[in-house]
PDB file of N, CA and C in Angstrom:
ATOM      1  N   LYS A   1     130.164-156.050 -70.727  1.00  0.00           N
ATOM      2  CA  LYS A   1     130.044-157.045 -71.433  1.00  0.00           C
ATOM      3  C   LYS A   1     130.244-155.986 -73.189  1.00  0.00           C
ATOM      4  N   ASN A   2     130.614-155.205 -72.965  1.00  0.00           N
ATOM      5  CA  ASN A   2     130.745-155.108 -73.915  1.00  0.00           C
ATOM      6  C   ASN A   2     132.448-154.589 -74.978  1.00  0.00           C
ATOM      7  N   ILE A   3     132.855-155.261 -73.824  1.00  0.00           N
ATOM      8  CA  ILE A   3     134.929-155.317 -74.470  1.00  0.00           C
ATOM      9  C   ILE A   3     134.860-156.476 -74.627  1.00  0.00           C
ATOM     10  N   ARG A   4     135.055-157.001 -75.800  1.00  0.00           N
ATOM     11  CA  ARG A   4     135.761-158.399 -76.048  1.00  0.00           C
ATOM     12  C   ARG A   4     137.521-158.149 -75.973  1.00  0.00           C
ATOM     13  N   ARG A   5     137.945-159.165 -75.833  1.00  0.00           N
ATOM     14  CA  ARG A   5     139.553-159.094 -76.248  1.00  0.00           C
ATOM     15  C   ARG A   5     139.995-160.202 -77.205  1.00  0.00           C
ATOM     16  N   ASN A   6     140.774-159.945 -78.194  1.00  0.00           N
ATOM     17  CA  ASN A   6     141.472-161.008 -78.625  1.00  0.00           C
ATOM     18  C   ASN A   6     142.698-160.375 -78.732  1.00  0.00           C
ATOM     19  N   LYS A   7     143.397-159.767 -79.272  1.00  0.00           N
ATOM     20  CA  LYS A   7     144.869-159.509 -79.153  1.00  0.00           C
ATOM     21  C   LYS A   7     144.900-157.906 -78.580  1.00  0.00           C
ATOM     22  N   THR A   8     144.107-157.297 -78.890  1.00  0.00           N
ATOM     23  CA  THR A   8     143.564-155.815 -78.202  1.00  0.00           C
ATOM     24  C   THR A   8     141.421-155.762 -77.530  1.00  0.00           C
ATOM     25  N   PHE A   9     141.930-154.955 -77.026  1.00  0.00           N
ATOM     26  CA  PHE A   9     140.480-154.835 -76.429  1.00  0.00           C
ATOM     27  C   PHE A   9     139.709-154.020 -78.253  1.00  0.00           C
ATOM     28  N   GLU A  10     138.547-154.257 -77.840  1.00  0.00           N
ATOM     29  CA  GLU A  10     137.509-153.461 -78.555  1.00  0.00           C
ATOM     30  C   GLU A  10     136.282-153.443 -78.243  1.00  0.00           C
ATOM     31  N   TRP A  11     135.298-153.056 -78.900  1.00  0.00           N
ATOM     32  CA  TRP A  11     134.163-152.277 -78.183  1.00  0.00           C
ATOM     33  C   TRP A  11     132.895-153.450 -79.339  1.00  0.00           C
ATOM     34  N   LYS A  12     132.432-154.126 -78.096  1.00  0.00           N
ATOM     35  CA  LYS A  12     131.416-155.647 -79.993  1.00  0.00           C
ATOM     36  C   LYS A  12     130.334-155.166 -78.937  1.00  0.00           C
ATOM     37  N   ILE A  13     129.211-154.267 -79.215  1.00  0.00           N
ATOM     38  CA  ILE A  13     128.494-153.933 -79.258  1.00  0.00           C
ATOM     39  C   ILE A  13     126.812-154.692 -79.873  1.00  0.00           C
ATOM     40  N   ASN A  14     126.208-154.963 -79.021  1.00  0.00           N
ATOM     41  CA  ASN A  14     125.303-155.939 -80.076  1.00  0.00           C
ATOM     42  C   ASN A  14     124.129-154.910 -80.397  1.00  0.00           C
ATOM     43  N   LEU A  15     124.258-153.526 -81.680  1.00  0.00           N
ATOM     44  CA  LEU A  15     123.103-152.972 -81.981  1.00  0.00           C
ATOM     45  C   LEU A  15     121.614-153.601 -81.993  1.00  0.00           C
ATOM     46  N   PRO A  16     121.769-154.363 -82.712  1.00  0.00           N
ATOM     47  CA  PRO A  16     120.543-154.661 -83.125  1.00  0.00           C
ATOM     48  C   PRO A  16     119.929-155.096 -82.023  1.00  0.00           C
ATOM     49  N   THR A  17     119.947-155.881 -80.948  1.00  0.00           N
ATOM     50  CA  THR A  17     119.832-156.345 -80.473  1.00  0.00           C
ATOM     51  C   THR A  17     118.654-155.438 -78.975  1.00  0.00           C
ATOM     52  N   ILE A  18     119.930-154.322 -79.344  1.00  0.00           N
ATOM     53  CA  ILE A  18     119.221-152.824 -78.046  1.00  0.00           C
ATOM     54  C   ILE A  18     118.288-151.829 -79.339  1.00  0.00           C
ATOM     55  N   GLU A  19     118.683-152.087 -80.556  1.00  0.00           N
ATOM     56  CA  GLU A  19     117.039-151.689 -81.365  1.00  0.00           C
ATOM     57  C   GLU A  19     116.272-152.056 -80.794  1.00  0.00           C
ATOM     58  N   GLN A  20     116.230-153.589 -80.914  1.00  0.00           N
ATOM     59  CA  GLN A  20     114.936-154.439 -80.926  1.00  0.00           C
ATOM     60  C   GLN A  20     114.018-153.831 -79.755  1.00  0.00           C
ATOM     61  N   ASN A  21     115.053-153.861 -79.087  1.00  0.00           N
ATOM     62  CA  ASN A  21     114.546-154.344 -77.089  1.00  0.00           C
ATOM     63  C   ASN A  21     114.444-152.778 -76.653  1.00  0.00           C
ATOM     64  N   LEU A  22     114.802-151.816 -76.964  1.00  0.00           N
ATOM     65  CA  LEU A  22     115.136-150.343 -76.448  1.00  0.00           C
ATOM     66  C   LEU A  22     113.594-150.285 -75.767  1.00  0.00           C
ATOM     67  N   GLY A  23     112.559-150.572 -76.892  1.00  0.00           N
ATOM     68  CA  GLY A  23     111.121-149.945 -75.982  1.00  0.00           C
ATOM     69  C   GLY A  23     110.783-150.498 -74.438  1.00  0.00           C
ATOM     70  N   LYS A  24     111.317-151.737 -73.964  1.00  0.00           N
ATOM     71  CA  LYS A  24     110.643-152.636 -73.727  1.00  0.00           C
ATOM     72  C   LYS A  24     112.038-152.350 -71.826  1.00  0.00           C
ATOM     73  N   ILE A  25     112.855-151.292 -72.696  1.00  0.00           N
ATOM     74  CA  ILE A  25     114.113-150.895 -70.785  1.00  0.00           C
ATOM     75  C   ILE A  25     113.395-150.947 -69.828  1.00  0.00           C
ATOM     76  N   MET A  26     111.871-150.013 -69.972  1.00  0.00           N
ATOM     77  CA  MET A  26     111.026-149.560 -68.723  1.00  0.00           C
ATOM     78  C   MET A  26     109.962-150.518 -68.343  1.00  0.00           C
ATOM     79  N   ASP A  27     109.955-151.769 -68.974  1.00  0.00           N
ATOM     80  CA  ASP A  27     108.720-153.293 -68.705  1.00  0.00           C
ATOM     81  C   ASP A  27     108.836-153.566 -66.798  1.00  0.00           C
ATOM     82  N   GLY A  28     107.745-153.548 -66.458  1.00  0.00           N
ATOM     83  CA  GLY A  28     108.387-153.929 -64.842  1.00  0.00           C
ATOM     84  C   GLY A  28     108.475-152.669 -63.891  1.00  0.00           C
ATOM     85  N   LEU A  29     108.641-151.247 -64.526  1.00  0.00           N
ATOM     86  CA  LEU A  29     108.646-150.485 -63.607  1.00  0.00           C
ATOM     87  C   LEU A  29     107.714-149.899 -63.579  1.00  0.00           C
ATOM     88  N   ASN A  30     106.160-149.949 -63.795  1.00  0.00           N
ATOM     89  CA  ASN A  30     105.188-148.990 -64.199  1.00  0.00           C
ATOM     90  C   ASN A  30     104.522-148.560 -62.820  1.00  0.00           C
ATOM     91  N   LEU A  31     104.487-147.723 -62.250  1.00  0.00           N
ATOM     92  CA  LEU A  31     104.361-147.300 -60.889  1.00  0.00           C
ATOM     93  C   LEU A  31     103.561-147.594 -60.311  1.00  0.00           C
ATOM     94  N   GLU A  32     102.204-148.150 -60.868  1.00  0.00           N
ATOM     95  CA  GLU A  32     101.075-148.722 -59.525  1.00  0.00           C
ATOM     96  C   GLU A  32     101.632-149.788 -59.327  1.00  0.00           C
ATOM     97  N   ASN A  33     102.718-150.734 -59.896  1.00  0.00           N
ATOM     98  CA  ASN A  33     102.938-152.071 -59.734  1.00  0.00           C
ATOM     99  C   ASN A  33     104.008-152.084 -58.073  1.00  0.00           C
ATOM    100  N   PHE A  34     104.560-150.606 -57.190  1.00  0.00           N
ATOM    101  CA  PHE A  34     104.360-150.640 -56.155  1.00  0.00           C
ATOM    102  C   PHE A  34     103.849-149.340 -54.937  1.00  0.00           C
ATOM    103  N   ILE A  35     102.489-149.189 -55.662  1.00  0.00           N
ATOM    104  CA  ILE A  35     101.930-148.578 -54.633  1.00  0.00           C
ATOM    105  C   ILE A  35     101.309-149.062 -53.220  1.00  0.00           C
ATOM    106  N   ASP A  36     101.124-150.613 -53.430  1.00  0.00           N
ATOM    107  CA  ASP A  36     101.261-150.983 -52.111  1.00  0.00           C
ATOM    108  C   ASP A  36     103.021-152.498 -51.868  1.00  0.00           C
ATOM    109  N   LYS A  37     103.090-152.219 -52.954  1.00  0.00           N
ATOM    110  CA  LYS A  37     104.556-153.316 -52.893  1.00  0.00           C
ATOM    111  C   LYS A  37     105.983-152.327 -52.310  1.00  0.00           C
ATOM    112  N   LYS A  38     106.360-151.608 -51.650  1.00  0.00           N
ATOM    113  CA  LYS A  38     108.171-151.236 -51.854  1.00  0.00           C
ATOM    114  C   LYS A  38     108.848-151.471 -52.051  1.00  0.00           C
ATOM    115  N   ILE A  39     110.459-151.215 -52.334  1.00  0.00           N
ATOM    116  CA  ILE A  39     111.680-152.027 -52.307  1.00  0.00           C
ATOM    117  C   ILE A  39     111.713-151.668 -50.566  1.00  0.00           C
ATOM    118  N   GLU A  40     111.788-151.802 -49.698  1.00  0.00           N
ATOM    119  CA  GLU A  40     112.208-151.610 -48.283  1.00  0.00           C
ATOM    120  C   GLU A  40     113.903-151.626 -47.965  1.00  0.00           C
ATOM    121  N   LEU A  41     114.567-152.067 -49.042  1.00  0.00           N
ATOM    122  CA  LEU A  41     116.232-152.517 -48.756  1.00  0.00           C
ATOM    123  C   LEU A  41     116.575-151.241 -49.102  1.00  0.00           C
ATOM    124  N   GLU A  42     117.853-151.124 -47.842  1.00  0.00           N
ATOM    125  CA  GLU A  42     118.649-150.203 -48.123  1.00  0.00           C
ATOM    126  C   GLU A  42     119.262-149.532 -49.506  1.00  0.00           C
ATOM    127  N   THR A  43     119.070-148.146 -49.474  1.00  0.00           N
ATOM    128  CA  THR A  43     119.255-148.597 -51.335  1.00  0.00           C
ATOM    129  C   THR A  43     120.195-147.156 -51.811  1.00  0.00           C
ATOM    130  N   LEU A  44     121.201-147.441 -52.698  1.00  0.00           N
ATOM    131  CA  LEU A  44     122.059-146.047 -52.289  1.00  0.00           C
ATOM    132  C   LEU A  44     121.730-145.943 -54.542  1.00  0.00           C
ATOM    133  N   PHE A  45     121.899-144.993 -54.087  1.00  0.00           N
ATOM    134  CA  PHE A  45     121.530-144.205 -55.708  1.00  0.00           C
ATOM    135  C   PHE A  45     122.788-143.012 -56.029  1.00  0.00           C
ATOM    136  N   LEU A  46     123.716-143.118 -56.545  1.00  0.00           N
ATOM    137  CA  LEU A  46     124.877-142.101 -57.077  1.00  0.00           C
ATOM    138  C   LEU A  46     124.279-140.923 -57.950  1.00  0.00           C
ATOM    139  N   LYS A  47     124.284-139.951 -57.755  1.00  0.00           N
ATOM    140  CA  LYS A  47     123.987-139.363 -58.944  1.00  0.00           C
ATOM    141  C   LYS A  47     124.899-138.277 -59.865  1.00  0.00           C
ATOM    142  N   ALA A  48     125.554-138.148 -61.093  1.00  0.00           N
ATOM    143  CA  ALA A  48     126.877-137.286 -61.631  1.00  0.00           C
ATOM    144  C   ALA A  48     126.043-136.121 -61.050  1.00  0.00           C
ATOM    145  N   GLU A  49     126.976-135.321 -60.684  1.00  0.00           N
ATOM    146  CA  GLU A  49     126.311-133.275 -60.815  1.00  0.00           C
ATOM    147  C   GLU A  49     125.830-133.066 -61.947  1.00  0.00           C
ATOM    148  N   ASN A  50     126.850-133.415 -63.322  1.00  0.00           N
ATOM    149  CA  ASN A  50     127.316-133.013 -64.708  1.00  0.00           C
ATOM    150  C   ASN A  50     126.075-133.955 -65.877  1.00  0.00           C
ATOM    151  N   SER A  51     125.281-134.625 -64.799  1.00  0.00           N
ATOM    152  CA  SER A  51     124.701-135.827 -66.119  1.00  0.00           C
ATOM    153  C   SER A  51     122.723-135.256 -65.628  1.00  0.00           C
ATOM    154  N   ASP A  52     122.345-135.597 -66.352  1.00  0.00           N
ATOM    155  CA  ASP A  52     120.888-135.790 -66.056  1.00  0.00           C
ATOM    156  C   ASP A  52     120.071-136.800 -66.532  1.00  0.00           C
ATOM    157  N   TYR A  53     121.181-138.122 -66.355  1.00  0.00           N
ATOM    158  CA  TYR A  53     120.646-139.162 -66.063  1.00  0.00           C
ATOM    159  C   TYR A  53     119.251-139.065 -64.763  1.00  0.00           C
ATOM    160  N   ILE A  54     120.115-138.339 -63.503  1.00  0.00           N
ATOM    161  CA  ILE A  54     118.953-138.633 -62.566  1.00  0.00           C
ATOM    162  C   ILE A  54     117.893-137.565 -62.679  1.00  0.00           C
ATOM    163  N   LYS A  55     116.441-137.560 -63.361  1.00  0.00           N
ATOM    164  CA  LYS A  55     116.365-135.853 -63.236  1.00  0.00           C
ATOM    165  C   LYS A  55     115.628-135.791 -61.713  1.00  0.00           C
ATOM    166  N   GLU A  56     115.304-134.483 -61.773  1.00  0.00           N
ATOM    167  CA  GLU A  56     114.318-134.298 -60.288  1.00  0.00           C
ATOM    168  C   GLU A  56     113.065-135.231 -60.217  1.00  0.00           C
ATOM    169  N   ASN A  57     112.122-135.071 -61.346  1.00  0.00           N
ATOM    170  CA  ASN A  57     111.348-136.146 -61.019  1.00  0.00           C
ATOM    171  C   ASN A  57     111.496-137.676 -60.901  1.00  0.00           C
ATOM    172  N   ASP A  58     113.038-137.575 -61.139  1.00  0.00           N
ATOM    173  CA  ASP A  58     113.348-139.253 -61.003  1.00  0.00           C
ATOM    174  C   ASP A  58     113.587-139.269 -59.966  1.00  0.00           C
ATOM    175  N   LYS A  59     114.028-138.446 -59.284  1.00  0.00           N
ATOM    176  CA  LYS A  59     113.992-138.298 -57.371  1.00  0.00           C
ATOM    177  C   LYS A  59     112.797-138.697 -56.725  1.00  0.00           C
ATOM    178  N   LYS A  60     111.972-138.395 -57.281  1.00  0.00           N
ATOM    179  CA  LYS A  60     110.587-138.383 -56.181  1.00  0.00           C
ATOM    180  C   LYS A  60     109.981-139.928 -56.534  1.00  0.00           C
ATOM    181  N   ILE A  61     110.188-140.590 -57.926  1.00  0.00           N
ATOM    182  CA  ILE A  61     110.366-142.236 -58.248  1.00  0.00           C
ATOM    183  C   ILE A  61     110.520-143.041 -57.601  1.00  0.00           C
ATOM    184  N   ILE A  62     112.197-142.165 -57.471  1.00  0.00           N
ATOM    185  CA  ILE A  62     113.302-143.365 -56.714  1.00  0.00           C
ATOM    186  C   ILE A  62     112.694-143.714 -55.011  1.00  0.00           C
ATOM    187  N   LYS A  63     111.948-142.216 -54.909  1.00  0.00           N
ATOM    188  CA  LYS A  63     112.073-142.144 -53.147  1.00  0.00           C
ATOM    189  C   LYS A  63     110.558-143.057 -53.171  1.00  0.00           C
ATOM    190  N   PHE A  64     109.584-142.992 -53.822  1.00  0.00           N
ATOM    191  CA  PHE A  64     108.799-143.697 -54.050  1.00  0.00           C
ATOM    192  C   PHE A  64     108.919-145.389 -54.219  1.00  0.00           C
ATOM    193  N   ILE A  65     109.085-146.019 -54.775  1.00  0.00           N
ATOM    194  CA  ILE A  65     109.873-147.174 -55.045  1.00  0.00           C
ATOM    195  C   ILE A  65     110.667-147.748 -53.547  1.00  0.00           C
ATOM    196  N   PHE A  66     111.509-146.653 -53.383  1.00  0.00           N
ATOM    197  CA  PHE A  66     112.488-147.165 -52.437  1.00  0.00           C
ATOM    198  C   PHE A  66     112.503-146.215 -51.905  1.00  0.00           C
ATOM    199  N   PRO A  67     111.972-146.182 -50.256  1.00  0.00           N
ATOM    200  CA  PRO A  67     111.043-145.621 -49.458  1.00  0.00           C
ATOM    201  C   PRO A  67     113.066-145.330 -48.329  1.00  0.00           C
ATOM    202  N   ASN A  68     113.537-146.522 -49.089  1.00  0.00           N
ATOM    203  CA  ASN A  68     114.802-146.246 -47.863  1.00  0.00           C
ATOM    204  C   ASN A  68     115.863-146.006 -48.428  1.00  0.00           C
ATOM    205  N   SER A  69     115.988-145.233 -49.589  1.00  0.00           N
ATOM    206  CA  SER A  69     116.829-145.256 -50.327  1.00  0.00           C
ATOM    207  C   SER A  69     118.274-143.586 -49.726  1.00  0.00           C
ATOM    208  N   LYS A  70     118.788-143.855 -50.216  1.00  0.00           N
ATOM    209  CA  LYS A  70     119.780-142.612 -50.391  1.00  0.00           C
ATOM    210  C   LYS A  70     120.078-142.494 -51.823  1.00  0.00           C
ATOM    211  N   ILE A  71     120.113-140.785 -51.742  1.00  0.00           N
ATOM    212  CA  ILE A  71     120.903-140.299 -53.455  1.00  0.00           C
ATOM    213  C   ILE A  71     121.648-139.296 -53.025  1.00  0.00           C
ATOM    214  N   ILE A  72     123.332-139.990 -53.566  1.00  0.00           N
ATOM    215  CA  ILE A  72     124.309-138.760 -52.857  1.00  0.00           C
ATOM    216  C   ILE A  72     124.485-138.591 -54.694  1.00  0.00           C
ATOM    217  N   GLU A  73     125.067-137.349 -54.458  1.00  0.00           N
ATOM    218  CA  GLU A  73     125.704-136.231 -55.593  1.00  0.00           C
ATOM    219  C   GLU A  73     126.869-136.233 -55.809  1.00  0.00           C
ATOM    220  N   ILE A  74     127.498-136.611 -56.611  1.00  0.00           N
ATOM    221  CA  ILE A  74     129.468-137.018 -57.055  1.00  0.00           C
ATOM    222  C   ILE A  74     129.381-135.136 -57.331  1.00  0.00           C
ATOM    223  N   LYS A  75     130.132-134.884 -56.735  1.00  0.00           N
ATOM    224  CA  LYS A  75     130.671-133.424 -57.571  1.00  0.00           C
ATOM    225  C   LYS A  75     131.555-134.176 -58.415  1.00  0.00           C
ATOM    226  N   ASN A  76     131.785-132.728 -59.561  1.00  0.00           N
ATOM    227  CA  ASN A  76     133.020-132.574 -60.737  1.00  0.00           C
ATOM    228  C   ASN A  76     132.679-133.996 -61.336  1.00  0.00           C
ATOM    229  N   SER A  77     131.725-134.699 -61.698  1.00  0.00           N
ATOM    230  CA  SER A  77     131.473-135.267 -62.157  1.00  0.00           C
ATOM    231  C   SER A  77     130.726-135.749 -63.549  1.00  0.00           C
ATOM    232  N   SER A  78     130.847-136.335 -64.438  1.00  0.00           N
ATOM    233  CA  SER A  78     129.874-136.518 -65.016  1.00  0.00           C
ATOM    234  C   SER A  78     128.571-137.547 -65.640  1.00  0.00           C
ATOM    235  N   HIS A  79     128.491-138.433 -66.175  1.00  0.00           N
ATOM    236  CA  HIS A  79     127.214-139.445 -66.764  1.00  0.00           C
ATOM    237  C   HIS A  79     128.575-140.616 -66.105  1.00  0.00           C
ATOM    238  N   CYS A  80     129.791-140.672 -65.871  1.00  0.00           N
ATOM    239  CA  CYS A  80     130.301-141.573 -65.927  1.00  0.00           C
ATOM    240  C   CYS A  80     131.556-141.230 -64.453  1.00  0.00           C
ATOM    241  N   LEU A  81     130.605-140.907 -63.417  1.00  0.00           N
ATOM    242  CA  LEU A  81     131.317-140.543 -62.303  1.00  0.00           C
ATOM    243  C   LEU A  81     132.518-141.478 -61.839  1.00  0.00           C
ATOM    244  N   HIS A  82     132.105-142.882 -62.379  1.00  0.00           N
ATOM    245  CA  HIS A  82     133.654-143.715 -61.733  1.00  0.00           C
ATOM    246  C   HIS A  82     134.643-143.624 -62.361  1.00  0.00           C
ATOM    247  N   ILE A  83     134.484-143.197 -63.772  1.00  0.00           N
ATOM    248  CA  ILE A  83     135.468-142.621 -64.405  1.00  0.00           C
ATOM    249  C   ILE A  83     136.273-140.941 -63.778  1.00  0.00           C
ATOM    250  N   ASP A  84     135.073-140.070 -63.860  1.00  0.00           N
ATOM    251  CA  ASP A  84     135.637-138.730 -63.096  1.00  0.00           C
ATOM    252  C   ASP A  84     136.033-138.912 -61.547  1.00  0.00           C
ATOM    253  N   GLN A  85     135.525-139.176 -61.102  1.00  0.00           N
ATOM    254  CA  GLN A  85     135.494-139.311 -58.992  1.00  0.00           C
ATOM    255  C   GLN A  85     135.846-140.943 -58.577  1.00  0.00           C
ATOM    256  N   PRO A  86     136.601-141.211 -59.167  1.00  0.00           N
ATOM    257  CA  PRO A  86     136.696-142.761 -58.799  1.00  0.00           C
ATOM    258  C   PRO A  86     137.076-143.364 -56.716  1.00  0.00           C
ATOM    259  N   GLN A  87     137.970-142.197 -56.502  1.00  0.00           N
ATOM    260  CA  GLN A  87     137.771-142.092 -54.861  1.00  0.00           C
ATOM    261  C   GLN A  87     136.759-141.805 -54.269  1.00  0.00           C
ATOM    262  N   LYS A  88     136.119-140.864 -54.657  1.00  0.00           N
ATOM    263  CA  LYS A  88     135.063-140.705 -53.955  1.00  0.00           C
ATOM    264  C   LYS A  88     133.834-141.813 -54.098  1.00  0.00           C
ATOM    265  N   VAL A  89     133.354-141.968 -55.181  1.00  0.00           N
ATOM    266  CA  VAL A  89     132.476-142.993 -55.977  1.00  0.00           C
ATOM    267  C   VAL A  89     132.976-144.100 -55.014  1.00  0.00           C
ATOM    268  N   ILE A  90     135.001-144.630 -54.933  1.00  0.00           N
ATOM    269  CA  ILE A  90     134.552-145.879 -53.960  1.00  0.00           C
ATOM    270  C   ILE A  90     133.859-145.253 -52.044  1.00  0.00           C
ATOM    271  N   GLU A  91     134.313-144.164 -52.039  1.00  0.00           N
ATOM    272  CA  GLU A  91     134.564-143.916 -50.469  1.00  0.00           C
ATOM    273  C   GLU A  91     132.859-143.746 -50.292  1.00  0.00           C
ATOM    274  N   GLU A  92     131.991-143.331 -51.285  1.00  0.00           N
ATOM    275  CA  GLU A  92     130.232-143.134 -50.499  1.00  0.00           C
ATOM    276  C   GLU A  92     130.059-144.824 -50.572  1.00  0.00           C
ATOM    277  N   ILE A  93     130.038-145.947 -51.427  1.00  0.00           N
ATOM    278  CA  ILE A  93     129.738-147.015 -51.720  1.00  0.00           C
ATOM    279  C   ILE A  93     130.375-147.608 -50.254  1.00  0.00           C
ATOM    280  N   MET A  94     131.238-147.163 -49.917  1.00  0.00           N
ATOM    281  CA  MET A  94     132.392-148.342 -48.857  1.00  0.00           C
ATOM    282  C   MET A  94     131.565-147.855 -47.156  1.00  0.00           C
ATOM    283  N   LEU A  95     131.028-146.303 -47.492  1.00  0.00           N
ATOM    284  CA  LEU A  95     130.069-145.639 -46.106  1.00  0.00           C
ATOM    285  C   LEU A  95     129.144-146.286 -46.054  1.00  0.00           C
ATOM    286  N   PHE A  96     127.872-146.373 -47.410  1.00  0.00           N
ATOM    287  CA  PHE A  96     127.046-146.866 -47.074  1.00  0.00           C
ATOM    288  C   PHE A  96     126.814-148.349 -46.567  1.00  0.00           C
ATOM    289  N   LEU A  97     127.563-148.814 -47.318  1.00  0.00           N
ATOM    290  CA  LEU A  97     127.808-150.599 -47.352  1.00  0.00           C
ATOM    291  C   LEU A  97     128.467-150.484 -45.598  1.00  0.00           C
ATOM    292  N   ASN A  98     129.567-149.714 -44.809  1.00  0.00           N
ATOM    293  CA  ASN A  98     129.906-149.963 -43.628  1.00  0.00           C
ATOM    294  C   ASN A  98     128.330-149.596 -42.704  1.00  0.00           C
ATOM    295  N   ASN A  99     128.153-148.814 -43.036  1.00  0.00           N
ATOM    296  CA  ASN A  99     126.720-147.244 -42.237  1.00  0.00           C
ATOM    297  C   ASN A  99     125.328-148.459 -42.247  1.00  0.00           C
ATOM    298  N   ASN A 100     125.108-149.926 -43.649  1.00  0.00           N
ATOM    299  CA  ASN A 100     123.817-150.453 -43.822  1.00  0.00           C
ATOM    300  C   ASN A 100     123.831-151.918 -43.690  1.00  0.00           C
ATOM    301  N   PHE A 101     125.283-152.030 -43.822  1.00  0.00           N
ATOM    302  CA  PHE A 101     125.227-153.256 -44.028  1.00  0.00           C
ATOM    303  C   PHE A 101     126.707-154.375 -43.398  1.00  0.00           C
ATOM    304  N   LEU A 102     127.792-153.506 -43.250  1.00  0.00           N
ATOM    305  CA  LEU A 102     128.731-154.673 -42.766  1.00  0.00           C
ATOM    306  C   LEU A 102     128.871-154.271 -41.149  1.00  0.00           C
ATOM    307  N   THR A 103     129.460-155.223 -40.511  1.00  0.00           N
ATOM    308  CA  THR A 103     130.185-154.931 -39.035  1.00  0.00           C
ATOM    309  C   THR A 103     130.778-154.737 -38.711  1.00  0.00           C
ATOM    310  N   THR A 104     131.574-153.825 -37.970  1.00  0.00           N
ATOM    311  CA  THR A 104     133.169-154.312 -37.360  1.00  0.00           C
ATOM    312  C   THR A 104     133.062-154.984 -36.397  1.00  0.00           C
ATOM    313  N   HIS A 105     134.166-156.012 -35.992  1.00  0.00           N
ATOM    314  CA  HIS A 105     134.165-156.240 -35.197  1.00  0.00           C
ATOM    315  C   HIS A 105     135.144-156.252 -34.166  1.00  0.00           C
TER     316      HIS A 105
END
């Protein structure tokens, strides 16, 4: 949503709002809120091999909150794994959806 189009594409990031609210980004993710109330839905997390966006400790937290989750690492990818490995990302998402939500007739 940060790309706007007039005659060309350009970045339009609302930096003041981001700066004002950056401290609130984790609001609602207090682990104590999930002691008795887990998110049981099958959930897929894609982790880029060459990014530390999901750290080892984060994997434990993910599994605590989302006990039915899968964390798939996409090889040869940076933080923007959908750009680095688009076909692999699509394959993993489709595999997950087919195995968990879609039925074939």
